[in-house]
PDB file of all heavy atoms in Angstrom:
ATOM      1  N   ALA A   1     -17.350 -89.546 206.508  1.00  0.00           N
ATOM      2  CA  ALA A   1     -18.146 -88.272 206.450  1.00  0.00           C
ATOM      3  C   ALA A   1     -17.289 -87.085 206.851  1.00  0.00           C
ATOM      4  O   ALA A   1     -17.313 -86.001 206.199  1.00  0.00           O
ATOM      5  CB  ALA A   1     -19.370 -88.411 207.342  1.00  0.00           C
ATOM      6  N   ALA A   2     -16.494 -87.248 207.896  1.00  0.00           N
ATOM      7  CA  ALA A   2     -15.586 -86.158 208.353  1.00  0.00           C
ATOM      8  C   ALA A   2     -14.582 -85.849 207.303  1.00  0.00           C
ATOM      9  O   ALA A   2     -14.231 -84.681 207.009  1.00  0.00           O
ATOM     10  CB  ALA A   2     -14.897 -86.574 209.703  1.00  0.00           C
ATOM     11  N   MET A   3     -14.066 -86.873 206.626  1.00  0.00           N
ATOM     12  CA  MET A   3     -13.068 -86.719 205.580  1.00  0.00           C
ATOM     13  C   MET A   3     -13.606 -85.874 204.416  1.00  0.00           C
ATOM     14  O   MET A   3     -12.970 -84.945 203.953  1.00  0.00           O
ATOM     15  CB  MET A   3     -12.692 -88.150 205.038  1.00  0.00           C
ATOM     16  CG  MET A   3     -11.747 -88.156 203.860  1.00  0.00           C
ATOM     17  SD  MET A   3     -11.491 -89.876 203.333  1.00  0.00           S
ATOM     18  CE  MET A   3     -13.029 -90.159 202.390  1.00  0.00           C
ATOM     19  N   VAL A   4     -14.864 -86.173 204.000  1.00  0.00           N
ATOM     20  CA  VAL A   4     -15.451 -85.399 202.896  1.00  0.00           C
ATOM     21  C   VAL A   4     -15.663 -83.957 203.315  1.00  0.00           C
ATOM     22  O   VAL A   4     -15.302 -83.028 202.510  1.00  0.00           O
ATOM     23  CB  VAL A   4     -16.805 -86.068 202.507  1.00  0.00           C
ATOM     24  CG1 VAL A   4     -17.480 -85.176 201.471  1.00  0.00           C
ATOM     25  CG2 VAL A   4     -16.558 -87.465 201.879  1.00  0.00           C
ATOM     26  N   LYS A   5     -16.130 -83.725 204.546  1.00  0.00           N
ATOM     27  CA  LYS A   5     -16.301 -82.343 204.973  1.00  0.00           C
ATOM     28  C   LYS A   5     -14.993 -81.541 204.998  1.00  0.00           C
ATOM     29  O   LYS A   5     -14.912 -80.456 204.557  1.00  0.00           O
ATOM     30  CB  LYS A   5     -16.885 -82.336 206.411  1.00  0.00           C
ATOM     31  CG  LYS A   5     -18.387 -82.693 206.491  1.00  0.00           C
ATOM     32  CD  LYS A   5     -18.845 -82.670 207.950  1.00  0.00           C
ATOM     33  CE  LYS A   5     -20.206 -83.340 208.076  1.00  0.00           C
ATOM     34  NZ  LYS A   5     -20.541 -83.597 209.466  1.00  0.00           N
ATOM     35  N   LYS A   6     -13.948 -82.238 205.526  1.00  0.00           N
ATOM     36  CA  LYS A   6     -12.659 -81.551 205.612  1.00  0.00           C
ATOM     37  C   LYS A   6     -12.042 -81.275 204.222  1.00  0.00           C
ATOM     38  O   LYS A   6     -11.451 -80.224 204.007  1.00  0.00           O
ATOM     39  CB  LYS A   6     -11.651 -82.401 206.451  1.00  0.00           C
ATOM     40  CG  LYS A   6     -12.161 -82.792 207.787  1.00  0.00           C
ATOM     41  CD  LYS A   6     -12.079 -81.710 208.848  1.00  0.00           C
ATOM     42  CE  LYS A   6     -12.678 -82.211 210.164  1.00  0.00           C
ATOM     43  NZ  LYS A   6     -12.663 -81.187 211.178  1.00  0.00           N
ATOM     44  N   MET A   7     -12.220 -82.220 203.329  1.00  0.00           N
ATOM     45  CA  MET A   7     -11.645 -82.026 201.950  1.00  0.00           C
ATOM     46  C   MET A   7     -12.366 -80.851 201.319  1.00  0.00           C
ATOM     47  O   MET A   7     -11.716 -80.048 200.571  1.00  0.00           O
ATOM     48  CB  MET A   7     -11.801 -83.293 201.123  1.00  0.00           C
ATOM     49  CG  MET A   7     -10.745 -84.343 201.491  1.00  0.00           C
ATOM     50  SD  MET A   7     -10.424 -85.632 200.254  1.00  0.00           S
ATOM     51  CE  MET A   7     -11.995 -86.537 200.297  1.00  0.00           C
ATOM     52  N   ARG A   8     -13.671 -80.721 201.547  1.00  0.00           N
ATOM     53  CA  ARG A   8     -14.374 -79.536 200.964  1.00  0.00           C
ATOM     54  C   ARG A   8     -13.849 -78.271 201.634  1.00  0.00           C
ATOM     55  O   ARG A   8     -13.623 -77.244 200.969  1.00  0.00           O
ATOM     56  CB  ARG A   8     -15.860 -79.677 201.299  1.00  0.00           C
ATOM     57  CG  ARG A   8     -16.593 -80.671 200.406  1.00  0.00           C
ATOM     58  CD  ARG A   8     -18.017 -80.792 200.865  1.00  0.00           C
ATOM     59  NE  ARG A   8     -18.773 -81.867 200.157  1.00  0.00           N
ATOM     60  CZ  ARG A   8     -19.912 -82.321 200.519  1.00  0.00           C
ATOM     61  NH1 ARG A   8     -20.479 -81.858 201.641  1.00  0.00           N
ATOM     62  NH2 ARG A   8     -20.520 -83.285 199.838  1.00  0.00           N
ATOM     63  N   GLU A   9     -13.733 -78.337 202.929  1.00  0.00           N
ATOM     64  CA  GLU A   9     -13.257 -77.177 203.698  1.00  0.00           C
ATOM     65  C   GLU A   9     -11.909 -76.697 203.297  1.00  0.00           C
ATOM     66  O   GLU A   9     -11.653 -75.482 203.172  1.00  0.00           O
ATOM     67  CB  GLU A   9     -13.256 -77.564 205.209  1.00  0.00           C
ATOM     68  CG  GLU A   9     -13.039 -76.450 206.198  1.00  0.00           C
ATOM     69  CD  GLU A   9     -12.885 -77.028 207.608  1.00  0.00           C
ATOM     70  OE1 GLU A   9     -13.759 -77.885 208.008  1.00  0.00           O
ATOM     71  OE2 GLU A   9     -11.986 -76.577 208.343  1.00  0.00           O
ATOM     72  N   PHE A  10     -11.000 -77.656 203.036  1.00  0.00           N
ATOM     73  CA  PHE A  10      -9.596 -77.306 202.639  1.00  0.00           C
ATOM     74  C   PHE A  10      -9.443 -77.150 201.147  1.00  0.00           C
ATOM     75  O   PHE A  10      -8.359 -76.864 200.647  1.00  0.00           O
ATOM     76  CB  PHE A  10      -8.602 -78.340 203.198  1.00  0.00           C
ATOM     77  CG  PHE A  10      -8.602 -78.500 204.677  1.00  0.00           C
ATOM     78  CD1 PHE A  10      -8.650 -79.738 205.259  1.00  0.00           C
ATOM     79  CD2 PHE A  10      -8.530 -77.345 205.455  1.00  0.00           C
ATOM     80  CE1 PHE A  10      -8.618 -79.834 206.715  1.00  0.00           C
ATOM     81  CE2 PHE A  10      -8.496 -77.466 206.846  1.00  0.00           C
ATOM     82  CZ  PHE A  10      -8.524 -78.753 207.479  1.00  0.00           C
ATOM     83  N   GLY A  11     -10.519 -77.381 200.386  1.00  0.00           N
ATOM     84  CA  GLY A  11     -10.453 -77.252 198.952  1.00  0.00           C
ATOM     85  C   GLY A  11      -9.516 -78.257 198.293  1.00  0.00           C
ATOM     86  O   GLY A  11      -8.871 -77.937 197.286  1.00  0.00           O
ATOM     87  N   ILE A  12      -9.532 -79.479 198.771  1.00  0.00           N
ATOM     88  CA  ILE A  12      -8.670 -80.527 198.227  1.00  0.00           C
ATOM     89  C   ILE A  12      -9.396 -81.251 197.074  1.00  0.00           C
ATOM     90  O   ILE A  12     -10.423 -81.854 197.264  1.00  0.00           O
ATOM     91  CB  ILE A  12      -8.269 -81.539 199.318  1.00  0.00           C
ATOM     92  CG1 ILE A  12      -7.315 -80.834 200.293  1.00  0.00           C
ATOM     93  CG2 ILE A  12      -7.603 -82.829 198.748  1.00  0.00           C
ATOM     94  CD1 ILE A  12      -6.983 -81.701 201.512  1.00  0.00           C
ATOM     95  N   SER A  13      -8.813 -81.079 195.839  1.00  0.00           N
ATOM     96  CA  SER A  13      -9.423 -81.693 194.660  1.00  0.00           C
ATOM     97  C   SER A  13      -8.451 -82.438 193.767  1.00  0.00           C
ATOM     98  O   SER A  13      -8.841 -83.190 192.883  1.00  0.00           O
ATOM     99  CB  SER A  13     -10.151 -80.616 193.833  1.00  0.00           C
ATOM    100  OG  SER A  13      -9.307 -79.627 193.475  1.00  0.00           O
ATOM    101  N   ASP A  14      -7.176 -82.204 194.008  1.00  0.00           N
ATOM    102  CA  ASP A  14      -6.139 -82.902 193.236  1.00  0.00           C
ATOM    103  C   ASP A  14      -6.201 -84.408 193.565  1.00  0.00           C
ATOM    104  O   ASP A  14      -6.333 -84.790 194.704  1.00  0.00           O
ATOM    105  CB  ASP A  14      -4.744 -82.368 193.643  1.00  0.00           C
ATOM    106  CG  ASP A  14      -3.631 -83.106 192.948  1.00  0.00           C
ATOM    107  OD1 ASP A  14      -3.343 -82.829 191.802  1.00  0.00           O
ATOM    108  OD2 ASP A  14      -3.037 -84.037 193.580  1.00  0.00           O
ATOM    109  N   PRO A  15      -6.226 -85.293 192.525  1.00  0.00           N
ATOM    110  CA  PRO A  15      -6.325 -86.732 192.766  1.00  0.00           C
ATOM    111  C   PRO A  15      -5.347 -87.287 193.718  1.00  0.00           C
ATOM    112  O   PRO A  15      -5.709 -88.126 194.559  1.00  0.00           O
ATOM    113  CB  PRO A  15      -6.193 -87.362 191.356  1.00  0.00           C
ATOM    114  CG  PRO A  15      -6.555 -86.236 190.406  1.00  0.00           C
ATOM    115  CD  PRO A  15      -6.168 -84.956 191.056  1.00  0.00           C
ATOM    116  N   ASP A  16      -4.069 -86.916 193.621  1.00  0.00           N
ATOM    117  CA  ASP A  16      -3.077 -87.401 194.570  1.00  0.00           C
ATOM    118  C   ASP A  16      -3.372 -86.980 195.972  1.00  0.00           C
ATOM    119  O   ASP A  16      -3.254 -87.748 196.949  1.00  0.00           O
ATOM    120  CB  ASP A  16      -1.671 -86.899 194.127  1.00  0.00           C
ATOM    121  CG  ASP A  16      -1.078 -87.671 192.979  1.00  0.00           C
ATOM    122  OD1 ASP A  16      -1.539 -88.810 192.755  1.00  0.00           O
ATOM    123  OD2 ASP A  16      -0.170 -87.171 192.318  1.00  0.00           O
ATOM    124  N   GLU A  17      -3.771 -85.717 196.134  1.00  0.00           N
ATOM    125  CA  GLU A  17      -4.048 -85.173 197.514  1.00  0.00           C
ATOM    126  C   GLU A  17      -5.276 -85.878 198.082  1.00  0.00           C
ATOM    127  O   GLU A  17      -5.341 -86.114 199.325  1.00  0.00           O
ATOM    128  CB  GLU A  17      -4.212 -83.672 197.441  1.00  0.00           C
ATOM    129  CG  GLU A  17      -2.908 -82.984 197.042  1.00  0.00           C
ATOM    130  CD  GLU A  17      -3.012 -81.462 197.185  1.00  0.00           C
ATOM    131  OE1 GLU A  17      -4.014 -80.917 197.675  1.00  0.00           O
ATOM    132  OE2 GLU A  17      -2.022 -80.764 196.877  1.00  0.00           O
ATOM    133  N   ILE A  18      -6.296 -86.157 197.245  1.00  0.00           N
ATOM    134  CA  ILE A  18      -7.445 -86.895 197.740  1.00  0.00           C
ATOM    135  C   ILE A  18      -7.048 -88.248 198.243  1.00  0.00           C
ATOM    136  O   ILE A  18      -7.491 -88.707 199.300  1.00  0.00           O
ATOM    137  CB  ILE A  18      -8.533 -87.036 196.620  1.00  0.00           C
ATOM    138  CG1 ILE A  18      -9.148 -85.670 196.338  1.00  0.00           C
ATOM    139  CG2 ILE A  18      -9.557 -88.070 196.979  1.00  0.00           C
ATOM    140  CD1 ILE A  18     -10.036 -85.663 195.074  1.00  0.00           C
ATOM    141  N   MET A  19      -6.170 -88.964 197.455  1.00  0.00           N
ATOM    142  CA  MET A  19      -5.686 -90.275 197.917  1.00  0.00           C
ATOM    143  C   MET A  19      -4.943 -90.209 199.176  1.00  0.00           C
ATOM    144  O   MET A  19      -5.086 -91.086 200.052  1.00  0.00           O
ATOM    145  CB  MET A  19      -4.870 -90.944 196.793  1.00  0.00           C
ATOM    146  CG  MET A  19      -5.649 -91.312 195.531  1.00  0.00           C
ATOM    147  SD  MET A  19      -7.157 -92.266 195.885  1.00  0.00           S
ATOM    148  CE  MET A  19      -6.510 -93.784 196.491  1.00  0.00           C
ATOM    149  N   TRP A  20      -4.064 -89.211 199.360  1.00  0.00           N
ATOM    150  CA  TRP A  20      -3.281 -89.067 200.600  1.00  0.00           C
ATOM    151  C   TRP A  20      -4.237 -88.814 201.773  1.00  0.00           C
ATOM    152  O   TRP A  20      -4.105 -89.452 202.817  1.00  0.00           O
ATOM    153  CB  TRP A  20      -2.370 -87.841 200.483  1.00  0.00           C
ATOM    154  CG  TRP A  20      -1.170 -88.003 199.557  1.00  0.00           C
ATOM    155  CD1 TRP A  20      -0.631 -89.191 199.121  1.00  0.00           C
ATOM    156  CD2 TRP A  20      -0.510 -86.948 198.863  1.00  0.00           C
ATOM    157  NE1 TRP A  20       0.395 -88.917 198.229  1.00  0.00           N
ATOM    158  CE2 TRP A  20       0.537 -87.547 198.080  1.00  0.00           C
ATOM    159  CE3 TRP A  20      -0.541 -85.547 198.868  1.00  0.00           C
ATOM    160  CZ2 TRP A  20       1.418 -86.827 197.283  1.00  0.00           C
ATOM    161  CZ3 TRP A  20       0.307 -84.813 198.099  1.00  0.00           C
ATOM    162  CH2 TRP A  20       1.281 -85.464 197.312  1.00  0.00           C
ATOM    163  N   PHE A  21      -5.186 -87.883 201.591  1.00  0.00           N
ATOM    164  CA  PHE A  21      -6.075 -87.499 202.698  1.00  0.00           C
ATOM    165  C   PHE A  21      -6.844 -88.721 203.076  1.00  0.00           C
ATOM    166  O   PHE A  21      -6.981 -89.050 204.317  1.00  0.00           O
ATOM    167  CB  PHE A  21      -7.053 -86.428 202.173  1.00  0.00           C
ATOM    168  CG  PHE A  21      -7.674 -85.641 203.301  1.00  0.00           C
ATOM    169  CD1 PHE A  21      -7.202 -84.393 203.664  1.00  0.00           C
ATOM    170  CD2 PHE A  21      -8.716 -86.174 204.055  1.00  0.00           C
ATOM    171  CE1 PHE A  21      -7.769 -83.659 204.708  1.00  0.00           C
ATOM    172  CE2 PHE A  21      -9.302 -85.469 205.076  1.00  0.00           C
ATOM    173  CZ  PHE A  21      -8.784 -84.164 205.411  1.00  0.00           C
ATOM    174  N   LYS A  22      -7.337 -89.477 202.139  1.00  0.00           N
ATOM    175  CA  LYS A  22      -8.211 -90.693 202.398  1.00  0.00           C
ATOM    176  C   LYS A  22      -7.371 -91.764 203.109  1.00  0.00           C
ATOM    177  O   LYS A  22      -7.783 -92.348 204.092  1.00  0.00           O
ATOM    178  CB  LYS A  22      -8.661 -91.233 201.032  1.00  0.00           C
ATOM    179  CG  LYS A  22      -9.608 -92.374 201.083  1.00  0.00           C
ATOM    180  CD  LYS A  22     -10.047 -92.714 199.695  1.00  0.00           C
ATOM    181  CE  LYS A  22     -10.658 -94.049 199.608  1.00  0.00           C
ATOM    182  NZ  LYS A  22      -9.909 -95.103 200.236  1.00  0.00           N
ATOM    183  N   SER A  23      -6.128 -91.950 202.620  1.00  0.00           N
ATOM    184  CA  SER A  23      -5.251 -93.002 203.227  1.00  0.00           C
ATOM    185  C   SER A  23      -4.902 -92.622 204.648  1.00  0.00           C
ATOM    186  O   SER A  23      -4.922 -93.470 205.571  1.00  0.00           O
ATOM    187  CB  SER A  23      -3.983 -93.130 202.392  1.00  0.00           C
ATOM    188  OG  SER A  23      -3.097 -94.081 202.966  1.00  0.00           O
ATOM    189  N   PHE A  24      -4.598 -91.338 204.947  1.00  0.00           N
ATOM    190  CA  PHE A  24      -4.197 -90.948 206.260  1.00  0.00           C
ATOM    191  C   PHE A  24      -5.402 -90.974 207.241  1.00  0.00           C
ATOM    192  O   PHE A  24      -5.307 -91.388 208.351  1.00  0.00           O
ATOM    193  CB  PHE A  24      -3.599 -89.528 206.263  1.00  0.00           C
ATOM    194  CG  PHE A  24      -2.336 -89.389 205.449  1.00  0.00           C
ATOM    195  CD1 PHE A  24      -2.071 -88.236 204.761  1.00  0.00           C
ATOM    196  CD2 PHE A  24      -1.475 -90.480 205.341  1.00  0.00           C
ATOM    197  CE1 PHE A  24      -0.904 -88.122 203.975  1.00  0.00           C
ATOM    198  CE2 PHE A  24      -0.330 -90.397 204.540  1.00  0.00           C
ATOM    199  CZ  PHE A  24      -0.062 -89.201 203.915  1.00  0.00           C
ATOM    200  N   ALA A  25      -6.565 -90.527 206.744  1.00  0.00           N
ATOM    201  CA  ALA A  25      -7.766 -90.460 207.565  1.00  0.00           C
ATOM    202  C   ALA A  25      -8.180 -91.811 208.065  1.00  0.00           C
ATOM    203  O   ALA A  25      -8.583 -92.025 209.170  1.00  0.00           O
ATOM    204  CB  ALA A  25      -8.935 -89.806 206.817  1.00  0.00           C
ATOM    205  N   HIS A  26      -7.965 -92.834 207.150  1.00  0.00           N
ATOM    206  CA  HIS A  26      -8.396 -94.202 207.489  1.00  0.00           C
ATOM    207  C   HIS A  26      -7.182 -95.104 207.834  1.00  0.00           C
ATOM    208  O   HIS A  26      -7.362 -96.297 207.935  1.00  0.00           O
ATOM    209  CB  HIS A  26      -9.203 -94.784 206.372  1.00  0.00           C
ATOM    210  CG  HIS A  26     -10.590 -94.198 206.250  1.00  0.00           C
ATOM    211  ND1 HIS A  26     -11.642 -94.627 206.998  1.00  0.00           N
ATOM    212  CD2 HIS A  26     -11.051 -93.172 205.488  1.00  0.00           C
ATOM    213  CE1 HIS A  26     -12.711 -93.945 206.693  1.00  0.00           C
ATOM    214  NE2 HIS A  26     -12.385 -93.037 205.760  1.00  0.00           N
ATOM    215  N   ARG A  27      -6.050 -94.489 207.941  1.00  0.00           N
ATOM    216  CA  ARG A  27      -4.796 -95.206 208.324  1.00  0.00           C
ATOM    217  C   ARG A  27      -4.531 -96.388 207.390  1.00  0.00           C
ATOM    218  O   ARG A  27      -4.146 -97.483 207.844  1.00  0.00           O
ATOM    219  CB  ARG A  27      -4.886 -95.664 209.741  1.00  0.00           C
ATOM    220  CG  ARG A  27      -5.224 -94.499 210.680  1.00  0.00           C
ATOM    221  CD  ARG A  27      -5.156 -94.845 212.165  1.00  0.00           C
ATOM    222  NE  ARG A  27      -5.614 -93.682 212.929  1.00  0.00           N
ATOM    223  CZ  ARG A  27      -5.578 -93.580 214.226  1.00  0.00           C
ATOM    224  NH1 ARG A  27      -5.060 -94.541 214.935  1.00  0.00           N
ATOM    225  NH2 ARG A  27      -6.022 -92.544 214.834  1.00  0.00           N
ATOM    226  N   GLY A  28      -4.801 -96.147 206.109  1.00  0.00           N
ATOM    227  CA  GLY A  28      -4.495 -97.160 205.084  1.00  0.00           C
ATOM    228  C   GLY A  28      -5.466 -98.363 205.094  1.00  0.00           C
ATOM    229  O   GLY A  28      -5.262 -99.344 204.355  1.00  0.00           O
ATOM    230  N   ARG A  29      -6.608 -98.249 205.853  1.00  0.00           N
ATOM    231  CA  ARG A  29      -7.515 -99.377 205.921  1.00  0.00           C
ATOM    232  C   ARG A  29      -8.648 -99.168 204.946  1.00  0.00           C
ATOM    233  O   ARG A  29      -8.910 -98.042 204.469  1.00  0.00           O
ATOM    234  CB  ARG A  29      -8.095 -99.444 207.317  1.00  0.00           C
ATOM    235  CG  ARG A  29      -7.040 -99.552 208.417  1.00  0.00           C
ATOM    236  CD  ARG A  29      -7.678 -99.572 209.797  1.00  0.00           C
ATOM    237  NE  ARG A  29      -8.296-100.866 210.020  1.00  0.00           N
ATOM    238  CZ  ARG A  29      -7.678-101.932 210.560  1.00  0.00           C
ATOM    239  NH1 ARG A  29      -6.409-101.838 210.903  1.00  0.00           N
ATOM    240  NH2 ARG A  29      -8.248-103.058 210.741  1.00  0.00           N
ATOM    241  N   PRO A  30      -9.385-100.251 204.616  1.00  0.00           N
ATOM    242  CA  PRO A  30     -10.518-100.099 203.724  1.00  0.00           C
ATOM    243  C   PRO A  30     -11.588 -99.216 204.358  1.00  0.00           C
ATOM    244  O   PRO A  30     -11.666 -99.137 205.577  1.00  0.00           O
ATOM    245  CB  PRO A  30     -11.091-101.522 203.556  1.00  0.00           C
ATOM    246  CG  PRO A  30     -10.102-102.412 204.202  1.00  0.00           C
ATOM    247  CD  PRO A  30      -9.251-101.617 205.068  1.00  0.00           C
ATOM    248  N   GLU A  31     -12.432 -98.595 203.513  1.00  0.00           N
ATOM    249  CA  GLU A  31     -13.531 -97.817 204.083  1.00  0.00           C
ATOM    250  C   GLU A  31     -14.692 -97.850 203.126  1.00  0.00           C
ATOM    251  O   GLU A  31     -14.493 -98.067 201.911  1.00  0.00           O
ATOM    252  CB  GLU A  31     -13.078 -96.409 204.437  1.00  0.00           C
ATOM    253  CG  GLU A  31     -12.405 -95.609 203.340  1.00  0.00           C
ATOM    254  CD  GLU A  31     -13.372 -94.624 202.661  1.00  0.00           C
ATOM    255  OE1 GLU A  31     -14.537 -94.530 203.143  1.00  0.00           O
ATOM    256  OE2 GLU A  31     -12.951 -93.942 201.737  1.00  0.00           O
TER     257      GLU A  31
END
């Protein structure tokens, strides 16, 4: 939930950047 809010806040929409953000937020773990 925090990840989605922050991505909206920072305007992250590029597919690669979404994958980076998601991977770092969850430390490479499933979510």
